[in-house]
Protein backbone atom coordinates (compact mmCIF):
# COMPACT_ATOMS: atom_id res chain seq x y z
CA MET A 1 84.77 105.80 123.75
CA ALA A 2 84.27 109.54 123.34
CA ALA A 3 86.01 111.72 120.81
CA SER A 4 88.72 113.86 122.38
CA LYS A 5 88.89 117.65 122.31
CA ASP A 6 92.14 119.64 122.56
CA GLN A 7 92.83 123.16 123.86
CA CYS A 8 92.00 124.84 120.54
CA GLY A 9 88.49 123.42 120.46
CA PHE A 10 89.31 120.88 117.74
CA GLN A 11 87.24 117.76 118.19
CA ASP A 12 89.09 114.63 117.11
CA LEU A 13 86.48 112.40 115.50
CA LEU A 14 88.85 109.80 114.03
CA PRO A 15 88.64 107.47 117.05
CA LEU A 16 84.84 107.53 116.87
CA MET A 17 84.96 106.92 113.12
CA ALA A 18 87.36 104.01 113.63
CA GLU A 19 85.05 102.51 116.23
CA LYS A 20 81.97 102.86 114.02
CA LEU A 21 83.49 102.02 110.63
CA GLY A 22 86.31 99.62 111.47
CA GLY A 23 89.78 99.89 110.00
CA ASP A 24 88.87 99.40 106.34
CA GLY A 25 85.93 101.79 106.60
CA LEU A 26 88.08 104.46 108.23
CA ILE A 27 90.73 104.20 105.52
CA GLY A 28 87.97 104.43 102.90
CA GLU A 29 86.66 107.63 104.48
CA LEU A 30 90.16 109.10 104.66
CA CYS A 31 90.59 108.32 100.97
CA ASN A 32 87.28 110.08 100.29
CA GLY A 33 88.56 113.10 102.22
CA PHE A 34 91.73 113.05 100.15
CA GLN A 35 89.65 113.03 96.95
CA LEU A 36 87.73 116.09 98.17
CA LEU A 37 90.91 118.06 98.87
CA MET A 38 93.14 117.04 96.00
CA ASP A 39 93.86 118.86 92.78
CA SER A 40 92.11 116.59 90.28
CA ASP A 41 94.62 117.41 87.53
CA LYS A 42 97.69 116.66 89.65
CA GLY A 43 96.29 113.85 91.82
CA VAL A 44 97.75 115.35 95.02
CA ILE A 45 96.73 117.93 97.60
CA THR A 46 98.43 121.22 96.79
CA PHE A 47 98.25 124.47 98.72
CA GLU A 48 95.82 125.82 96.13
CA SER A 49 93.53 122.78 96.24
CA LEU A 50 93.63 122.71 100.05
CA LYS A 51 92.74 126.40 100.24
CA LYS A 52 89.97 126.05 97.65
CA ASN A 53 88.40 122.88 99.07
CA SER A 54 89.04 123.20 102.81
CA ALA A 55 85.64 124.82 103.40
CA LEU A 56 84.06 121.48 102.42
CA LEU A 57 85.54 120.07 105.63
CA GLY A 58 84.72 123.06 107.82
CA LEU A 59 88.26 124.47 107.66
CA GLN A 60 87.43 127.77 105.96
CA ASP A 61 88.77 129.78 108.93
CA LEU A 62 92.34 128.51 108.58
CA CYS A 63 94.85 131.12 107.44
CA ASP A 64 97.37 130.51 104.67
CA GLU A 65 100.16 129.83 107.18
CA ASP A 66 98.05 127.11 108.85
CA LEU A 67 97.38 125.50 105.47
CA TYR A 68 101.08 125.63 104.54
CA GLY A 69 101.84 124.15 107.96
CA MET A 70 99.52 121.22 107.31
CA LEU A 71 101.24 120.55 104.01
CA ARG A 72 104.72 120.75 105.56
CA GLU A 73 103.70 118.47 108.43
CA GLY A 74 102.61 115.67 106.12
CA ASP A 75 104.94 116.14 103.15
CA PHE A 76 107.42 113.30 103.67
CA ASP A 77 108.93 113.33 100.20
CA GLY A 78 109.43 117.12 100.11
CA ASP A 79 107.53 117.78 96.88
CA GLY A 80 105.32 120.48 98.45
CA ALA A 81 102.13 118.43 98.10
CA LEU A 82 100.42 115.50 99.82
CA ASN A 83 99.81 112.23 98.05
CA GLN A 84 97.12 109.91 99.38
CA MET A 85 99.46 107.95 101.66
CA GLU A 86 100.97 111.11 103.16
CA PHE A 87 97.48 112.48 103.79
CA CYS A 88 96.29 109.31 105.56
CA VAL A 89 99.43 109.13 107.71
CA LEU A 90 99.02 112.81 108.62
CA MET A 91 95.40 112.26 109.68
CA PHE A 92 96.48 109.42 111.99
CA ARG A 93 99.35 111.49 113.41
CA LEU A 94 96.98 114.38 114.15
CA SER A 95 94.77 112.08 116.23
CA PRO A 96 96.56 111.46 119.55
CA GLU A 97 93.87 109.10 120.81
CA LEU A 98 93.95 107.01 117.64
CA MET A 99 97.75 106.89 117.80
CA GLU A 100 97.59 105.66 121.41
CA GLN A 101 95.09 102.96 120.43
CA SER A 102 97.28 101.92 117.49
CA GLN A 103 100.36 101.70 119.73
CA PHE A 104 98.45 99.58 122.27
CA LEU A 105 97.17 97.21 119.54
CA LEU A 106 100.65 96.85 118.05
CA GLU A 107 102.20 96.06 121.43
CA GLU A 108 99.47 93.55 122.21
CA ALA A 109 99.94 91.82 118.85
CA LEU A 110 103.70 91.63 119.40
CA ARG A 111 103.17 90.12 122.86
CA LEU A 112 100.74 87.53 121.51
CA GLU A 113 103.19 86.55 118.78
CA GLY A 114 106.05 86.21 121.27
CA PHE A 115 108.01 89.29 120.22
CA GLN A 116 108.23 90.93 123.67
CA ASP A 117 111.91 91.71 123.07
CA LEU A 118 110.88 94.24 120.38
CA LEU A 119 108.91 96.30 122.90
């Protein structure tokens, strides 16, 4: 399974990571990424911590509006920052191929358990 590439040149490596590391390993790596980006005093990813630490992940070319957009996209509780769960969910949502795989696995599990009526 190859990593996908969208129109902007972004290469989605999450599916490859999931394949190589398995589910628990992938979540562990996402948590490591969260640790790299978070404000260590606040325990969440803020705009300031994202801007300061984004170069560690090769995102130094993103403008402020893009960084604010990332925060808004994942900020489910509206506090202006990303906690670890919001960050992990956002990373999955930004990976179309991984989302498709997850949907397929969920549907297959429901079929095997006899819950076809939920599909």
